[in-house]
Amino acid sequence: MQRAESEGWLYKDDGKGARYLARSLPRDVLSELLKKGLLDTASPSGLEEASSSIEDSVFLAVRDKDREVAQLRSALVGMYLLREREMRLPDFVELYNAGHISGAIHVRLGDVSIPTMYRWVGTYRRGGKTPAALVPKYAISARKTGPGRSLSELARHYLDYYWLQDSRPSMRSAWLEATIALPDEGITYPTAARYLASIPAIIRDYKRFGACRMETSDLPHIERNMSLYKSMDQLVSDHHCFDFIVEKDGNLFRPWITAVQDYRSAKIVGFWPSVYPSSLSISLAFYLAVS
């Protein structure tokens, strides 16, 4: 209780007493509570929230390449779990190492031994079936020497909360809010700025700018050879809201159009205007494209 008061652990009063929120507890406290079975796993603030908090902090701290390794491992484990009832794990590993399961993952991840695959599957299941469970161990231990190593888990959570918002506050603003909320932490601006700058771009852009910015700037893309396609081999479609006003039945609104485009020639081969796009407008635009 003395430590909770001195470190400012978050809690809520449910009428019967103070219930500390798992997301505000330091990692060593969470580990001890889990080992001794004292964490209320049936509560929303229990094991699920604690695991989520730990996974989020791990993914915020590791490097991009370590996060990519974790994602590749989880993808491979997921492929095995889909075939688990019909294929033994050693057979799956043999096919994967031969390049028959996923050549793209094999090129980037390399061969995997049977004991390693067993370990990954077990860790993946115990960790809630998330990529964070398969982050390389050296990447987790490197957090102790990374940016913001002098910050407590609570201070990092506060900095994350105040900076990763769609209003896009400055680092100094987030630091000021955190120092006001945690006056005893002694958070310095240079330390806070280094920690916030170390947050992976994919998380920063998603939280501060939205999904579109994240998908455009941070997700991988594939360069395609257009000469491999013929007209009408592949179609792409999307909706677009026009920048003008129309009147219909006494109502003013901006109309939408659902367009289908031939990938090879970039020609619009089908379209359908609507008050608002729906499955019907998609079906009609596709019907016109095919006909």
C-alpha atoms as a PDB file:
ATOM      1  CA  MET A   1       0.000   0.000   0.000  1.00  0.00           C
ATOM      2  CA  GLN A   2       2.907   2.322   0.709  1.00  0.00           C
ATOM      3  CA  ARG A   3       4.346   1.630  -2.734  1.00  0.00           C
ATOM      4  CA  ALA A   4       0.955   2.106  -4.390  1.00  0.00           C
ATOM      5  CA  GLU A   5       0.631   5.499  -2.735  1.00  0.00           C
ATOM      6  CA  SER A   6       4.166   6.605  -3.518  1.00  0.00           C
ATOM      7  CA  GLU A   7       4.043   5.471  -7.156  1.00  0.00           C
ATOM      8  CA  GLY A   8       0.490   6.703  -7.799  1.00  0.00           C
ATOM      9  CA  TRP A   9      -1.124   3.463  -8.978  1.00  0.00           C
ATOM     10  CA  LEU A  10      -4.486   4.085 -10.633  1.00  0.00           C
ATOM     11  CA  TYR A  11      -7.573   2.750  -8.860  1.00  0.00           C
ATOM     12  CA  LYS A  12     -11.361   3.043  -8.853  1.00  0.00           C
ATOM     13  CA  ASP A  13     -13.706   2.985  -5.879  1.00  0.00           C
ATOM     14  CA  ASP A  14     -16.468   0.392  -6.390  1.00  0.00           C
ATOM     15  CA  GLY A  15     -18.200   1.196  -3.096  1.00  0.00           C
ATOM     16  CA  LYS A  16     -16.507  -1.636  -1.229  1.00  0.00           C
ATOM     17  CA  GLY A  17     -12.995  -0.265  -1.434  1.00  0.00           C
ATOM     18  CA  ALA A  18     -10.248   0.682  -3.853  1.00  0.00           C
ATOM     19  CA  ARG A  19      -9.634  -1.654  -6.801  1.00  0.00           C
ATOM     20  CA  TYR A  20      -6.286  -1.008  -8.460  1.00  0.00           C
ATOM     21  CA  LEU A  21      -6.280  -1.104 -12.257  1.00  0.00           C
ATOM     22  CA  ALA A  22      -3.954  -3.726 -13.689  1.00  0.00           C
ATOM     23  CA  ARG A  23      -2.774  -1.422 -16.458  1.00  0.00           C
ATOM     24  CA  SER A  24      -1.223   0.912 -13.882  1.00  0.00           C
ATOM     25  CA  LEU A  25       0.730  -1.764 -12.014  1.00  0.00           C
ATOM     26  CA  PRO A  26       4.486  -2.155 -12.635  1.00  0.00           C
ATOM     27  CA  ARG A  27       5.600  -5.299 -14.426  1.00  0.00           C
ATOM     28  CA  ASP A  28       7.256  -6.872 -11.360  1.00  0.00           C
ATOM     29  CA  VAL A  29       4.060  -6.452  -9.322  1.00  0.00           C
ATOM     30  CA  LEU A  30       1.939  -7.994 -12.094  1.00  0.00           C
ATOM     31  CA  SER A  31       4.334 -10.935 -12.353  1.00  0.00           C
ATOM     32  CA  GLU A  32       4.152 -11.641  -8.618  1.00  0.00           C
ATOM     33  CA  LEU A  33       0.358 -11.370  -8.569  1.00  0.00           C
ATOM     34  CA  LEU A  34       0.097 -13.794 -11.480  1.00  0.00           C
ATOM     35  CA  LYS A  35       2.517 -16.275  -9.883  1.00  0.00           C
ATOM     36  CA  LYS A  36       0.613 -16.260  -6.564  1.00  0.00           C
ATOM     37  CA  GLY A  37      -2.821 -16.373  -8.212  1.00  0.00           C
ATOM     38  CA  LEU A  38      -3.897 -13.119  -6.587  1.00  0.00           C
ATOM     39  CA  LEU A  39      -4.975 -11.374  -9.786  1.00  0.00           C
ATOM     40  CA  ASP A  40      -8.708 -11.463 -10.437  1.00  0.00           C
ATOM     41  CA  THR A  41      -8.789 -13.096 -13.875  1.00  0.00           C
ATOM     42  CA  ALA A  42     -12.585 -12.845 -14.119  1.00  0.00           C
ATOM     43  CA  SER A  43     -12.559  -9.070 -13.782  1.00  0.00           C
ATOM     44  CA  PRO A  44     -12.191  -6.693 -16.766  1.00  0.00           C
ATOM     45  CA  SER A  45      -9.264  -5.173 -14.872  1.00  0.00           C
ATOM     46  CA  GLY A  46      -7.718  -8.564 -14.257  1.00  0.00           C
ATOM     47  CA  LEU A  47      -5.526 -10.883 -16.293  1.00  0.00           C
ATOM     48  CA  GLU A  48      -6.831  -9.874 -19.738  1.00  0.00           C
ATOM     49  CA  GLU A  49      -6.181  -6.195 -19.107  1.00  0.00           C
ATOM     50  CA  ALA A  50      -2.821  -6.947 -17.520  1.00  0.00           C
ATOM     51  CA  SER A  51      -1.733  -9.049 -20.493  1.00  0.00           C
ATOM     52  CA  SER A  52      -2.879  -6.336 -22.878  1.00  0.00           C
ATOM     53  CA  SER A  53      -0.946  -3.729 -20.902  1.00  0.00           C
ATOM     54  CA  ILE A  54       2.249  -5.789 -20.964  1.00  0.00           C
ATOM     55  CA  GLU A  55       1.918  -6.591 -24.663  1.00  0.00           C
ATOM     56  CA  ASP A  56       1.291  -2.955 -25.556  1.00  0.00           C
ATOM     57  CA  SER A  57       4.318  -1.788 -23.603  1.00  0.00           C
ATOM     58  CA  VAL A  58       6.505  -4.450 -25.217  1.00  0.00           C
ATOM     59  CA  PHE A  59       5.377  -3.547 -28.728  1.00  0.00           C
ATOM     60  CA  LEU A  60       5.894   0.152 -28.012  1.00  0.00           C
ATOM     61  CA  ALA A  61       9.456  -0.464 -26.915  1.00  0.00           C
ATOM     62  CA  VAL A  62      10.931  -2.985 -29.359  1.00  0.00           C
ATOM     63  CA  ARG A  63      12.497  -2.070 -32.675  1.00  0.00           C
ATOM     64  CA  ASP A  64      10.628  -2.328 -35.961  1.00  0.00           C
ATOM     65  CA  LYS A  65      12.629  -5.370 -37.085  1.00  0.00           C
ATOM     66  CA  ASP A  66      11.942  -7.187 -33.790  1.00  0.00           C
ATOM     67  CA  ARG A  67       8.234  -6.482 -34.137  1.00  0.00           C
ATOM     68  CA  GLU A  68       8.386  -7.795 -37.713  1.00  0.00           C
ATOM     69  CA  VAL A  69      10.007 -11.027 -36.492  1.00  0.00           C
ATOM     70  CA  ALA A  70       7.206 -11.455 -33.944  1.00  0.00           C
ATOM     71  CA  GLN A  71       4.574 -10.934 -36.636  1.00  0.00           C
ATOM     72  CA  LEU A  72       6.214 -13.470 -38.944  1.00  0.00           C
ATOM     73  CA  ARG A  73       6.413 -16.020 -36.139  1.00  0.00           C
ATOM     74  CA  SER A  74       2.768 -15.506 -35.197  1.00  0.00           C
ATOM     75  CA  ALA A  75       1.738 -15.827 -38.856  1.00  0.00           C
ATOM     76  CA  LEU A  76       3.587 -19.134 -39.128  1.00  0.00           C
ATOM     77  CA  VAL A  77       2.070 -20.432 -35.886  1.00  0.00           C
ATOM     78  CA  GLY A  78      -1.367 -19.351 -37.091  1.00  0.00           C
ATOM     79  CA  MET A  79      -0.901 -21.325 -40.297  1.00  0.00           C
ATOM     80  CA  TYR A  80      -0.067 -24.413 -38.254  1.00  0.00           C
ATOM     81  CA  LEU A  81      -3.055 -23.989 -35.928  1.00  0.00           C
ATOM     82  CA  LEU A  82      -5.358 -23.893 -38.960  1.00  0.00           C
ATOM     83  CA  ARG A  83      -3.959 -27.292 -40.014  1.00  0.00           C
ATOM     84  CA  GLU A  84      -3.514 -28.714 -36.513  1.00  0.00           C
ATOM     85  CA  ARG A  85      -6.315 -31.280 -36.778  1.00  0.00           C
ATOM     86  CA  GLU A  86      -5.132 -32.678 -40.086  1.00  0.00           C
ATOM     87  CA  MET A  87      -1.335 -32.388 -39.818  1.00  0.00           C
ATOM     88  CA  ARG A  88       1.276 -33.240 -37.213  1.00  0.00           C
ATOM     89  CA  LEU A  89       3.634 -30.461 -36.198  1.00  0.00           C
ATOM     90  CA  PRO A  90       6.799 -32.258 -37.426  1.00  0.00           C
ATOM     91  CA  ASP A  91       5.177 -32.736 -40.839  1.00  0.00           C
ATOM     92  CA  PHE A  92       4.211 -29.059 -40.932  1.00  0.00           C
ATOM     93  CA  VAL A  93       7.772 -28.000 -40.084  1.00  0.00           C
ATOM     94  CA  GLU A  94       9.181 -30.279 -42.781  1.00  0.00           C
ATOM     95  CA  LEU A  95       6.868 -28.816 -45.423  1.00  0.00           C
ATOM     96  CA  TYR A  96       7.613 -25.263 -44.275  1.00  0.00           C
ATOM     97  CA  ASN A  97      11.374 -25.741 -44.397  1.00  0.00           C
ATOM     98  CA  ALA A  98      10.988 -27.145 -47.903  1.00  0.00           C
ATOM     99  CA  GLY A  99       9.183 -23.948 -48.942  1.00  0.00           C
ATOM    100  CA  HIS A 100       5.775 -25.550 -49.500  1.00  0.00           C
ATOM    101  CA  ILE A 101       3.830 -23.721 -46.771  1.00  0.00           C
ATOM    102  CA  SER A 102       4.755 -20.069 -47.270  1.00  0.00           C
ATOM    103  CA  GLY A 103       7.725 -19.138 -49.374  1.00  0.00           C
ATOM    104  CA  ALA A 104       7.443 -15.479 -48.405  1.00  0.00           C
ATOM    105  CA  ILE A 105       7.711 -16.209 -44.672  1.00  0.00           C
ATOM    106  CA  HIS A 106      10.459 -18.798 -45.213  1.00  0.00           C
ATOM    107  CA  VAL A 107      12.611 -16.307 -47.108  1.00  0.00           C
ATOM    108  CA  ARG A 108      12.435 -13.785 -44.261  1.00  0.00           C
ATOM    109  CA  LEU A 109      12.295 -16.092 -41.241  1.00  0.00           C
ATOM    110  CA  GLY A 110      14.471 -18.996 -42.389  1.00  0.00           C
ATOM    111  CA  ASP A 111      14.303 -22.656 -41.353  1.00  0.00           C
ATOM    112  CA  VAL A 112      12.649 -23.561 -38.055  1.00  0.00           C
ATOM    113  CA  SER A 113      13.434 -26.598 -35.921  1.00  0.00           C
ATOM    114  CA  ILE A 114      10.725 -28.826 -34.464  1.00  0.00           C
ATOM    115  CA  PRO A 115      11.534 -27.947 -30.792  1.00  0.00           C
ATOM    116  CA  THR A 116      11.485 -24.246 -31.663  1.00  0.00           C
ATOM    117  CA  MET A 117       8.101 -24.591 -33.319  1.00  0.00           C
ATOM    118  CA  TYR A 118       6.719 -26.426 -30.286  1.00  0.00           C
ATOM    119  CA  ARG A 119       8.011 -23.602 -28.074  1.00  0.00           C
ATOM    120  CA  TRP A 120       6.479 -20.904 -30.296  1.00  0.00           C
ATOM    121  CA  VAL A 121       3.089 -22.633 -30.345  1.00  0.00           C
ATOM    122  CA  GLY A 122       3.045 -22.950 -26.553  1.00  0.00           C
ATOM    123  CA  THR A 123       4.166 -19.363 -26.002  1.00  0.00           C
ATOM    124  CA  TYR A 124       1.641 -18.104 -28.544  1.00  0.00           C
ATOM    125  CA  ARG A 125      -1.236 -19.861 -26.773  1.00  0.00           C
ATOM    126  CA  ARG A 126      -0.174 -18.803 -23.278  1.00  0.00           C
ATOM    127  CA  GLY A 127       0.295 -15.217 -24.445  1.00  0.00           C
ATOM    128  CA  GLY A 128      -3.271 -14.790 -25.665  1.00  0.00           C
ATOM    129  CA  LYS A 129      -2.550 -15.606 -29.328  1.00  0.00           C
ATOM    130  CA  THR A 130      -1.034 -12.209 -30.130  1.00  0.00           C
ATOM    131  CA  PRO A 131       2.226 -11.389 -31.950  1.00  0.00           C
ATOM    132  CA  ALA A 132       3.518  -9.669 -28.798  1.00  0.00           C
ATOM    133  CA  ALA A 133       3.899 -13.091 -27.174  1.00  0.00           C
ATOM    134  CA  LEU A 134       6.545 -14.033 -29.768  1.00  0.00           C
ATOM    135  CA  VAL A 135       8.732 -10.944 -29.529  1.00  0.00           C
ATOM    136  CA  PRO A 136      12.385 -12.130 -29.374  1.00  0.00           C
ATOM    137  CA  LYS A 137      13.641 -12.391 -25.795  1.00  0.00           C
ATOM    138  CA  TYR A 138      16.706 -10.288 -26.524  1.00  0.00           C
ATOM    139  CA  ALA A 139      14.416  -7.474 -27.689  1.00  0.00           C
ATOM    140  CA  ILE A 140      12.517  -7.519 -24.390  1.00  0.00           C
ATOM    141  CA  SER A 141      15.697  -7.517 -22.303  1.00  0.00           C
ATOM    142  CA  ALA A 142      17.064  -4.657 -24.417  1.00  0.00           C
ATOM    143  CA  ARG A 143      14.269  -2.436 -23.104  1.00  0.00           C
ATOM    144  CA  LYS A 144      16.294  -1.970 -19.924  1.00  0.00           C
ATOM    145  CA  THR A 145      18.932  -0.096 -21.879  1.00  0.00           C
ATOM    146  CA  GLY A 146      16.651   1.583 -24.415  1.00  0.00           C
ATOM    147  CA  PRO A 147      15.127   5.073 -24.513  1.00  0.00           C
ATOM    148  CA  GLY A 148      13.186   5.954 -21.375  1.00  0.00           C
ATOM    149  CA  ARG A 149      14.862   3.209 -19.314  1.00  0.00           C
ATOM    150  CA  SER A 150      14.721   5.436 -16.210  1.00  0.00           C
ATOM    151  CA  LEU A 151      10.950   5.871 -16.522  1.00  0.00           C
ATOM    152  CA  SER A 152       8.578   3.701 -14.532  1.00  0.00           C
ATOM    153  CA  GLU A 153       5.859   1.702 -16.248  1.00  0.00           C
ATOM    154  CA  LEU A 154       3.286   4.149 -14.868  1.00  0.00           C
ATOM    155  CA  ALA A 155       5.166   7.156 -16.278  1.00  0.00           C
ATOM    156  CA  ARG A 156       5.338   5.503 -19.700  1.00  0.00           C
ATOM    157  CA  HIS A 157       1.608   4.792 -19.637  1.00  0.00           C
ATOM    158  CA  TYR A 158       0.849   8.428 -18.827  1.00  0.00           C
ATOM    159  CA  LEU A 159       3.160   9.714 -21.572  1.00  0.00           C
ATOM    160  CA  ASP A 160       1.582   7.293 -24.042  1.00  0.00           C
ATOM    161  CA  TYR A 161      -1.911   8.372 -23.038  1.00  0.00           C
ATOM    162  CA  TYR A 162      -1.284  12.109 -23.321  1.00  0.00           C
ATOM    163  CA  TRP A 163       0.756  11.984 -26.563  1.00  0.00           C
ATOM    164  CA  LEU A 164      -0.947   9.236 -28.610  1.00  0.00           C
ATOM    165  CA  GLN A 165      -4.174  11.149 -29.261  1.00  0.00           C
ATOM    166  CA  ASP A 166      -5.885  12.221 -32.473  1.00  0.00           C
ATOM    167  CA  SER A 167      -5.630  15.871 -31.367  1.00  0.00           C
ATOM    168  CA  ARG A 168      -1.854  15.437 -31.959  1.00  0.00           C
ATOM    169  CA  PRO A 169      -0.491  17.242 -28.893  1.00  0.00           C
ATOM    170  CA  SER A 170       3.202  18.112 -28.781  1.00  0.00           C
ATOM    171  CA  MET A 171       5.732  16.107 -26.791  1.00  0.00           C
ATOM    172  CA  ARG A 172       6.138  19.029 -24.406  1.00  0.00           C
ATOM    173  CA  SER A 173       2.392  19.151 -23.814  1.00  0.00           C
ATOM    174  CA  ALA A 174       2.292  15.407 -23.057  1.00  0.00           C
ATOM    175  CA  TRP A 175       5.281  15.799 -20.735  1.00  0.00           C
ATOM    176  CA  LEU A 176       3.629  18.672 -18.838  1.00  0.00           C
ATOM    177  CA  GLU A 177       0.413  16.675 -18.393  1.00  0.00           C
ATOM    178  CA  ALA A 178       2.361  13.659 -17.142  1.00  0.00           C
ATOM    179  CA  THR A 179       4.418  15.707 -14.666  1.00  0.00           C
ATOM    180  CA  ILE A 180       1.224  17.276 -13.285  1.00  0.00           C
ATOM    181  CA  ALA A 181      -0.392  13.851 -12.873  1.00  0.00           C
ATOM    182  CA  LEU A 182       2.799  12.285 -11.428  1.00  0.00           C
ATOM    183  CA  PRO A 183       4.631  15.038  -9.522  1.00  0.00           C
ATOM    184  CA  ASP A 184       6.762  12.555  -7.565  1.00  0.00           C
ATOM    185  CA  GLU A 185       8.116  10.717 -10.617  1.00  0.00           C
ATOM    186  CA  GLY A 186      10.614  13.443 -11.520  1.00  0.00           C
ATOM    187  CA  ILE A 187      10.081  13.017 -15.262  1.00  0.00           C
ATOM    188  CA  THR A 188      12.485  15.215 -17.248  1.00  0.00           C
ATOM    189  CA  TYR A 189      11.580  16.506 -20.697  1.00  0.00           C
ATOM    190  CA  PRO A 190      14.671  15.088 -22.513  1.00  0.00           C
ATOM    191  CA  THR A 191      13.927  11.607 -21.137  1.00  0.00           C
ATOM    192  CA  ALA A 192      10.238  11.854 -22.053  1.00  0.00           C
ATOM    193  CA  ALA A 193      11.049  13.136 -25.546  1.00  0.00           C
ATOM    194  CA  ARG A 194      13.523  10.312 -26.200  1.00  0.00           C
ATOM    195  CA  TYR A 195      10.971   7.747 -25.065  1.00  0.00           C
ATOM    196  CA  LEU A 196       8.152   9.188 -27.179  1.00  0.00           C
ATOM    197  CA  ALA A 197      10.445   9.413 -30.215  1.00  0.00           C
ATOM    198  CA  SER A 198      11.228   5.696 -29.829  1.00  0.00           C
ATOM    199  CA  ILE A 199       7.568   4.659 -30.248  1.00  0.00           C
ATOM    200  CA  PRO A 200       7.275   2.764 -33.559  1.00  0.00           C
ATOM    201  CA  ALA A 201       5.952   4.847 -36.430  1.00  0.00           C
ATOM    202  CA  ILE A 202       3.102   2.421 -37.159  1.00  0.00           C
ATOM    203  CA  ILE A 203       1.674   2.928 -33.645  1.00  0.00           C
ATOM    204  CA  ARG A 204       2.362   6.664 -33.608  1.00  0.00           C
ATOM    205  CA  ASP A 205       0.658   7.271 -36.949  1.00  0.00           C
ATOM    206  CA  TYR A 206      -2.339   5.071 -36.117  1.00  0.00           C
ATOM    207  CA  LYS A 207      -3.002   6.765 -32.774  1.00  0.00           C
ATOM    208  CA  ARG A 208      -2.247  10.358 -33.829  1.00  0.00           C
ATOM    209  CA  PHE A 209      -3.240  10.496 -37.515  1.00  0.00           C
ATOM    210  CA  GLY A 210      -5.632   7.585 -38.035  1.00  0.00           C
ATOM    211  CA  ALA A 211      -5.795   4.309 -39.932  1.00  0.00           C
ATOM    212  CA  CYS A 212      -5.464   5.875 -43.402  1.00  0.00           C
ATOM    213  CA  ARG A 213      -2.167   7.566 -42.550  1.00  0.00           C
ATOM    214  CA  MET A 214      -0.866   4.380 -40.972  1.00  0.00           C
ATOM    215  CA  GLU A 215      -1.824   2.229 -43.968  1.00  0.00           C
ATOM    216  CA  THR A 216      -0.338   4.700 -46.456  1.00  0.00           C
ATOM    217  CA  SER A 217       2.922   5.423 -44.655  1.00  0.00           C
ATOM    218  CA  ASP A 218       3.817   2.338 -42.637  1.00  0.00           C
ATOM    219  CA  LEU A 219       2.292  -0.833 -44.067  1.00  0.00           C
ATOM    220  CA  PRO A 220       4.313  -2.741 -46.677  1.00  0.00           C
ATOM    221  CA  HIS A 221       3.308  -2.459 -50.321  1.00  0.00           C
ATOM    222  CA  ILE A 222       3.982  -4.588 -53.376  1.00  0.00           C
ATOM    223  CA  GLU A 223       5.440  -3.242 -56.605  1.00  0.00           C
ATOM    224  CA  ARG A 224       3.559  -4.949 -59.427  1.00  0.00           C
ATOM    225  CA  ASN A 225       4.724  -5.514 -62.998  1.00  0.00           C
ATOM    226  CA  MET A 226       1.872  -4.110 -65.071  1.00  0.00           C
ATOM    227  CA  SER A 227       3.014  -5.939 -68.197  1.00  0.00           C
ATOM    228  CA  LEU A 228       1.977  -9.239 -66.567  1.00  0.00           C
ATOM    229  CA  TYR A 229      -1.701  -8.226 -66.636  1.00  0.00           C
ATOM    230  CA  LYS A 230      -4.173  -8.154 -69.493  1.00  0.00           C
ATOM    231  CA  SER A 231      -7.275  -6.013 -69.681  1.00  0.00           C
ATOM    232  CA  MET A 232     -10.034  -7.262 -67.360  1.00  0.00           C
ATOM    233  CA  ASP A 233      -7.668  -9.716 -65.671  1.00  0.00           C
ATOM    234  CA  GLN A 234      -8.178  -7.834 -62.433  1.00  0.00           C
ATOM    235  CA  LEU A 235     -10.677  -5.216 -61.316  1.00  0.00           C
ATOM    236  CA  VAL A 236     -10.431  -2.750 -58.447  1.00  0.00           C
ATOM    237  CA  SER A 237     -13.225  -0.642 -56.985  1.00  0.00           C
ATOM    238  CA  ASP A 238     -13.822   2.130 -54.492  1.00  0.00           C
ATOM    239  CA  HIS A 239     -16.347   4.735 -53.385  1.00  0.00           C
ATOM    240  CA  HIS A 240     -15.964   8.483 -53.811  1.00  0.00           C
ATOM    241  CA  CYS A 241     -18.006  11.372 -52.377  1.00  0.00           C
ATOM    242  CA  PHE A 242     -18.457  14.224 -54.854  1.00  0.00           C
ATOM    243  CA  ASP A 243     -17.570  17.750 -53.819  1.00  0.00           C
ATOM    244  CA  PHE A 244     -20.874  19.301 -54.857  1.00  0.00           C
ATOM    245  CA  ILE A 245     -24.447  19.456 -53.611  1.00  0.00           C
ATOM    246  CA  VAL A 246     -27.524  17.988 -55.335  1.00  0.00           C
ATOM    247  CA  GLU A 247     -31.202  18.218 -54.471  1.00  0.00           C
ATOM    248  CA  LYS A 248     -33.500  15.199 -54.338  1.00  0.00           C
ATOM    249  CA  ASP A 249     -37.029  15.228 -52.906  1.00  0.00           C
ATOM    250  CA  GLY A 250     -36.338  18.542 -51.214  1.00  0.00           C
ATOM    251  CA  ASN A 251     -33.171  17.283 -49.517  1.00  0.00           C
ATOM    252  CA  LEU A 252     -29.638  18.589 -50.131  1.00  0.00           C
ATOM    253  CA  PHE A 253     -26.741  16.137 -49.949  1.00  0.00           C
ATOM    254  CA  ARG A 254     -23.381  15.238 -51.459  1.00  0.00           C
ATOM    255  CA  PRO A 255     -23.792  12.184 -53.740  1.00  0.00           C
ATOM    256  CA  TRP A 256     -21.494   9.167 -53.854  1.00  0.00           C
ATOM    257  CA  ILE A 257     -20.272   7.092 -56.747  1.00  0.00           C
ATOM    258  CA  THR A 258     -19.119   3.482 -56.701  1.00  0.00           C
ATOM    259  CA  ALA A 259     -16.602   2.922 -59.514  1.00  0.00           C
ATOM    260  CA  VAL A 260     -15.040  -0.264 -60.886  1.00  0.00           C
ATOM    261  CA  GLN A 261     -11.719   0.140 -62.681  1.00  0.00           C
ATOM    262  CA  ASP A 262      -9.768  -2.172 -64.953  1.00  0.00           C
ATOM    263  CA  TYR A 263      -6.411  -2.637 -63.268  1.00  0.00           C
ATOM    264  CA  ARG A 264      -4.354  -2.922 -66.450  1.00  0.00           C
ATOM    265  CA  SER A 265      -5.749  -0.020 -68.484  1.00  0.00           C
ATOM    266  CA  ALA A 266      -6.993   2.146 -65.564  1.00  0.00           C
ATOM    267  CA  LYS A 267     -10.269   2.576 -67.484  1.00  0.00           C
ATOM    268  CA  ILE A 268     -13.510   2.973 -65.513  1.00  0.00           C
ATOM    269  CA  VAL A 269     -15.596   0.041 -66.768  1.00  0.00           C
ATOM    270  CA  GLY A 270     -18.573   0.341 -64.425  1.00  0.00           C
ATOM    271  CA  PHE A 271     -20.023   2.868 -62.010  1.00  0.00           C
ATOM    272  CA  TRP A 272     -23.186   3.642 -60.084  1.00  0.00           C
ATOM    273  CA  PRO A 273     -24.160   6.918 -58.342  1.00  0.00           C
ATOM    274  CA  SER A 274     -26.070   6.773 -55.064  1.00  0.00           C
ATOM    275  CA  VAL A 275     -27.160   8.812 -52.083  1.00  0.00           C
ATOM    276  CA  TYR A 276     -24.830   6.645 -49.994  1.00  0.00           C
ATOM    277  CA  PRO A 277     -22.828   3.552 -51.068  1.00  0.00           C
ATOM    278  CA  SER A 278     -24.122   0.128 -50.137  1.00  0.00           C
ATOM    279  CA  SER A 279     -23.937  -3.493 -51.203  1.00  0.00           C
ATOM    280  CA  LEU A 280     -26.543  -2.672 -53.853  1.00  0.00           C
ATOM    281  CA  SER A 281     -24.451   0.085 -55.456  1.00  0.00           C
ATOM    282  CA  ILE A 282     -21.421  -2.250 -55.420  1.00  0.00           C
ATOM    283  CA  SER A 283     -23.407  -5.037 -57.108  1.00  0.00           C
ATOM    284  CA  LEU A 284     -24.792  -2.703 -59.769  1.00  0.00           C
ATOM    285  CA  ALA A 285     -21.391  -1.174 -60.561  1.00  0.00           C
ATOM    286  CA  PHE A 286     -19.829  -4.629 -60.831  1.00  0.00           C
ATOM    287  CA  TYR A 287     -22.736  -5.850 -63.002  1.00  0.00           C
ATOM    288  CA  LEU A 288     -22.180  -2.956 -65.432  1.00  0.00           C
ATOM    289  CA  ALA A 289     -18.453  -3.662 -65.493  1.00  0.00           C
ATOM    290  CA  VAL A 290     -18.955  -7.331 -66.373  1.00  0.00           C
ATOM    291  CA  SER A 291     -21.743  -6.679 -68.885  1.00  0.00           C
END
